[in-house]
Amino acid sequence: PGALAQGCDTLVSIGGIQSNQTRQVAAVAAHLGMKCELVQENWVNYSDAVYDRVGNIQMSRILGADVRLEPDG
């Protein structure tokens, strides 16, 4: 709500592909009616073909976040 009082309309966060923190930022933004921009970096060398499409990153997308994958992060 401090951000809302200042007239902000977007929350921005960065984290690993399966970050709990970025998922929570997406949830707060959705709850407050704000936009959400997430930069998700590949911090863990995980070979699962769907690692970047399920779990926390999927929830962030469902919650309306604009998720940008940064594979070299």
N, C-alpha and C. Protein backbone atom coordinates (compact mmCIF):
# COMPACT_ATOMS: atom_id res chain seq x y z
N PRO A 1 0.79 -1.22 0.00
CA PRO A 1 0.00 0.00 0.00
C PRO A 1 0.82 1.27 0.00
N GLY A 2 2.08 1.25 0.47
CA GLY A 2 2.93 2.42 0.34
C GLY A 2 3.16 2.75 -1.12
N ALA A 3 3.35 1.72 -1.93
CA ALA A 3 3.55 1.91 -3.36
C ALA A 3 2.29 2.50 -4.00
N LEU A 4 1.12 2.03 -3.58
CA LEU A 4 -0.13 2.57 -4.11
C LEU A 4 -0.29 4.04 -3.74
N ALA A 5 0.05 4.38 -2.52
CA ALA A 5 -0.07 5.77 -2.06
C ALA A 5 0.83 6.71 -2.86
N GLN A 6 1.93 6.17 -3.39
CA GLN A 6 2.85 6.97 -4.19
C GLN A 6 2.46 6.99 -5.66
N GLY A 7 1.37 6.31 -6.02
CA GLY A 7 0.90 6.30 -7.40
C GLY A 7 1.53 5.23 -8.27
N CYS A 8 2.24 4.30 -7.68
CA CYS A 8 2.85 3.22 -8.47
C CYS A 8 1.77 2.27 -8.97
N ASP A 9 1.98 1.70 -10.16
CA ASP A 9 1.01 0.75 -10.69
C ASP A 9 1.62 -0.60 -11.03
N THR A 10 2.93 -0.77 -10.82
CA THR A 10 3.62 -2.00 -11.20
C THR A 10 4.62 -2.41 -10.13
N LEU A 11 4.63 -3.70 -9.80
CA LEU A 11 5.66 -4.27 -8.93
C LEU A 11 6.66 -5.01 -9.81
N VAL A 12 7.94 -4.88 -9.52
CA VAL A 12 9.01 -5.51 -10.30
C VAL A 12 9.87 -6.33 -9.35
N SER A 13 10.23 -7.55 -9.78
CA SER A 13 11.07 -8.40 -8.94
C SER A 13 11.93 -9.29 -9.81
N ILE A 14 12.99 -9.81 -9.21
CA ILE A 14 13.90 -10.72 -9.90
C ILE A 14 14.13 -11.94 -9.00
N GLY A 15 14.28 -13.10 -9.62
CA GLY A 15 14.54 -14.31 -8.85
C GLY A 15 14.83 -15.48 -9.75
N GLY A 16 15.10 -16.60 -9.14
CA GLY A 16 15.31 -17.83 -9.89
C GLY A 16 14.00 -18.30 -10.52
N ILE A 17 14.09 -19.22 -11.46
CA ILE A 17 12.92 -19.68 -12.19
C ILE A 17 11.83 -20.20 -11.26
N GLN A 18 12.18 -20.90 -10.20
CA GLN A 18 11.19 -21.43 -9.27
C GLN A 18 11.15 -20.64 -7.95
N SER A 19 11.38 -19.35 -8.04
CA SER A 19 11.44 -18.49 -6.86
C SER A 19 10.09 -18.38 -6.14
N ASN A 20 10.11 -18.66 -4.83
CA ASN A 20 8.92 -18.43 -4.00
C ASN A 20 8.65 -16.93 -3.87
N GLN A 21 9.70 -16.16 -3.76
CA GLN A 21 9.56 -14.72 -3.55
C GLN A 21 8.88 -14.04 -4.74
N THR A 22 9.29 -14.37 -5.96
CA THR A 22 8.67 -13.73 -7.11
C THR A 22 7.21 -14.17 -7.25
N ARG A 23 6.91 -15.41 -6.90
CA ARG A 23 5.51 -15.88 -6.92
C ARG A 23 4.68 -15.05 -5.94
N GLN A 24 5.23 -14.77 -4.77
CA GLN A 24 4.50 -13.97 -3.79
C GLN A 24 4.32 -12.53 -4.26
N VAL A 25 5.32 -11.98 -4.93
CA VAL A 25 5.18 -10.62 -5.49
C VAL A 25 4.04 -10.61 -6.51
N ALA A 26 3.96 -11.64 -7.35
CA ALA A 26 2.87 -11.74 -8.33
C ALA A 26 1.52 -11.82 -7.63
N ALA A 27 1.45 -12.57 -6.54
CA ALA A 27 0.20 -12.70 -5.79
C ALA A 27 -0.23 -11.38 -5.17
N VAL A 28 0.72 -10.65 -4.60
CA VAL A 28 0.41 -9.35 -3.99
C VAL A 28 -0.05 -8.37 -5.07
N ALA A 29 0.64 -8.36 -6.20
CA ALA A 29 0.24 -7.46 -7.29
C ALA A 29 -1.18 -7.78 -7.76
N ALA A 30 -1.49 -9.06 -7.92
CA ALA A 30 -2.84 -9.45 -8.34
C ALA A 30 -3.87 -9.02 -7.30
N HIS A 31 -3.55 -9.21 -6.05
CA HIS A 31 -4.47 -8.85 -4.96
C HIS A 31 -4.74 -7.35 -4.93
N LEU A 32 -3.72 -6.56 -5.20
CA LEU A 32 -3.85 -5.11 -5.15
C LEU A 32 -4.29 -4.50 -6.47
N GLY A 33 -4.43 -5.33 -7.52
CA GLY A 33 -4.82 -4.81 -8.83
C GLY A 33 -3.70 -4.10 -9.55
N MET A 34 -2.46 -4.45 -9.22
CA MET A 34 -1.29 -3.84 -9.86
C MET A 34 -0.74 -4.75 -10.95
N LYS A 35 0.03 -4.18 -11.86
CA LYS A 35 0.78 -4.97 -12.83
C LYS A 35 2.00 -5.56 -12.14
N CYS A 36 2.55 -6.62 -12.74
CA CYS A 36 3.72 -7.27 -12.16
C CYS A 36 4.68 -7.67 -13.28
N GLU A 37 5.92 -7.28 -13.16
CA GLU A 37 6.99 -7.64 -14.10
C GLU A 37 8.01 -8.48 -13.33
N LEU A 38 8.25 -9.70 -13.79
CA LEU A 38 9.21 -10.58 -13.13
C LEU A 38 10.33 -10.96 -14.09
N VAL A 39 11.55 -10.87 -13.63
CA VAL A 39 12.71 -11.37 -14.37
C VAL A 39 13.14 -12.64 -13.66
N GLN A 40 13.04 -13.77 -14.34
CA GLN A 40 13.37 -15.07 -13.76
C GLN A 40 14.68 -15.54 -14.39
N GLU A 41 15.65 -15.82 -13.54
CA GLU A 41 16.97 -16.24 -14.02
C GLU A 41 17.20 -17.72 -13.75
N ASN A 42 17.99 -18.32 -14.59
CA ASN A 42 18.29 -19.75 -14.48
C ASN A 42 19.47 -19.95 -13.53
N TRP A 43 19.19 -19.92 -12.23
CA TRP A 43 20.24 -20.04 -11.22
C TRP A 43 20.61 -21.48 -10.94
N VAL A 44 19.73 -22.42 -11.27
CA VAL A 44 19.95 -23.84 -10.97
C VAL A 44 20.04 -24.60 -12.28
N ASN A 45 21.08 -25.39 -12.44
CA ASN A 45 21.24 -26.19 -13.65
C ASN A 45 20.35 -27.43 -13.53
N TYR A 46 19.10 -27.28 -13.97
CA TYR A 46 18.11 -28.34 -13.84
C TYR A 46 17.70 -28.78 -15.23
N SER A 47 17.75 -30.07 -15.51
CA SER A 47 17.57 -30.55 -16.88
C SER A 47 16.14 -30.91 -17.24
N ASP A 48 15.18 -30.77 -16.35
CA ASP A 48 13.79 -31.08 -16.65
C ASP A 48 13.28 -30.16 -17.76
N ALA A 49 12.71 -30.73 -18.81
CA ALA A 49 12.29 -29.96 -19.97
C ALA A 49 11.18 -28.95 -19.67
N VAL A 50 10.42 -29.15 -18.60
CA VAL A 50 9.32 -28.23 -18.29
C VAL A 50 9.60 -27.37 -17.05
N TYR A 51 10.83 -27.36 -16.58
CA TYR A 51 11.20 -26.64 -15.36
C TYR A 51 10.78 -25.17 -15.39
N ASP A 52 10.82 -24.55 -16.56
CA ASP A 52 10.49 -23.13 -16.68
C ASP A 52 9.02 -22.89 -17.02
N ARG A 53 8.19 -23.95 -16.92
CA ARG A 53 6.77 -23.80 -17.28
C ARG A 53 5.81 -24.31 -16.21
N VAL A 54 6.33 -24.85 -15.12
CA VAL A 54 5.47 -25.42 -14.08
C VAL A 54 5.82 -24.83 -12.71
N GLY A 55 5.04 -25.16 -11.71
CA GLY A 55 5.35 -24.73 -10.35
C GLY A 55 5.17 -23.24 -10.14
N ASN A 56 6.12 -22.64 -9.42
CA ASN A 56 6.01 -21.22 -9.06
C ASN A 56 5.94 -20.30 -10.27
N ILE A 57 6.70 -20.59 -11.31
CA ILE A 57 6.68 -19.71 -12.48
C ILE A 57 5.33 -19.79 -13.18
N GLN A 58 4.73 -20.97 -13.19
CA GLN A 58 3.39 -21.13 -13.76
C GLN A 58 2.36 -20.34 -12.94
N MET A 59 2.46 -20.43 -11.62
CA MET A 59 1.55 -19.68 -10.75
C MET A 59 1.69 -18.17 -10.98
N SER A 60 2.92 -17.70 -11.15
CA SER A 60 3.13 -16.28 -11.41
C SER A 60 2.41 -15.85 -12.69
N ARG A 61 2.50 -16.67 -13.71
CA ARG A 61 1.82 -16.36 -14.98
C ARG A 61 0.30 -16.39 -14.80
N ILE A 62 -0.21 -17.40 -14.09
CA ILE A 62 -1.65 -17.49 -13.84
C ILE A 62 -2.14 -16.26 -13.09
N LEU A 63 -1.31 -15.75 -12.19
CA LEU A 63 -1.67 -14.55 -11.42
C LEU A 63 -1.56 -13.27 -12.24
N GLY A 64 -1.11 -13.37 -13.49
CA GLY A 64 -1.09 -12.22 -14.39
C GLY A 64 0.24 -11.53 -14.55
N ALA A 65 1.30 -12.08 -13.97
CA ALA A 65 2.62 -11.45 -14.08
C ALA A 65 3.18 -11.59 -15.50
N ASP A 66 3.89 -10.56 -15.92
CA ASP A 66 4.66 -10.63 -17.16
C ASP A 66 6.01 -11.22 -16.78
N VAL A 67 6.23 -12.48 -17.16
CA VAL A 67 7.43 -13.21 -16.77
C VAL A 67 8.43 -13.19 -17.92
N ARG A 68 9.63 -12.73 -17.63
CA ARG A 68 10.71 -12.70 -18.63
C ARG A 68 11.82 -13.63 -18.18
N LEU A 69 12.12 -14.60 -19.01
CA LEU A 69 13.18 -15.56 -18.68
C LEU A 69 14.52 -15.02 -19.13
N GLU A 70 15.48 -15.07 -18.24
CA GLU A 70 16.85 -14.64 -18.53
C GLU A 70 17.75 -15.85 -18.31
N PRO A 71 18.00 -16.64 -19.36
CA PRO A 71 18.73 -17.89 -19.19
C PRO A 71 20.18 -17.73 -18.76
N ASP A 72 20.77 -16.58 -19.00
CA ASP A 72 22.18 -16.39 -18.66
C ASP A 72 22.39 -15.81 -17.26
N GLY A 73 21.31 -15.67 -16.49
CA GLY A 73 21.38 -15.02 -15.19
C GLY A 73 22.19 -15.75 -14.17
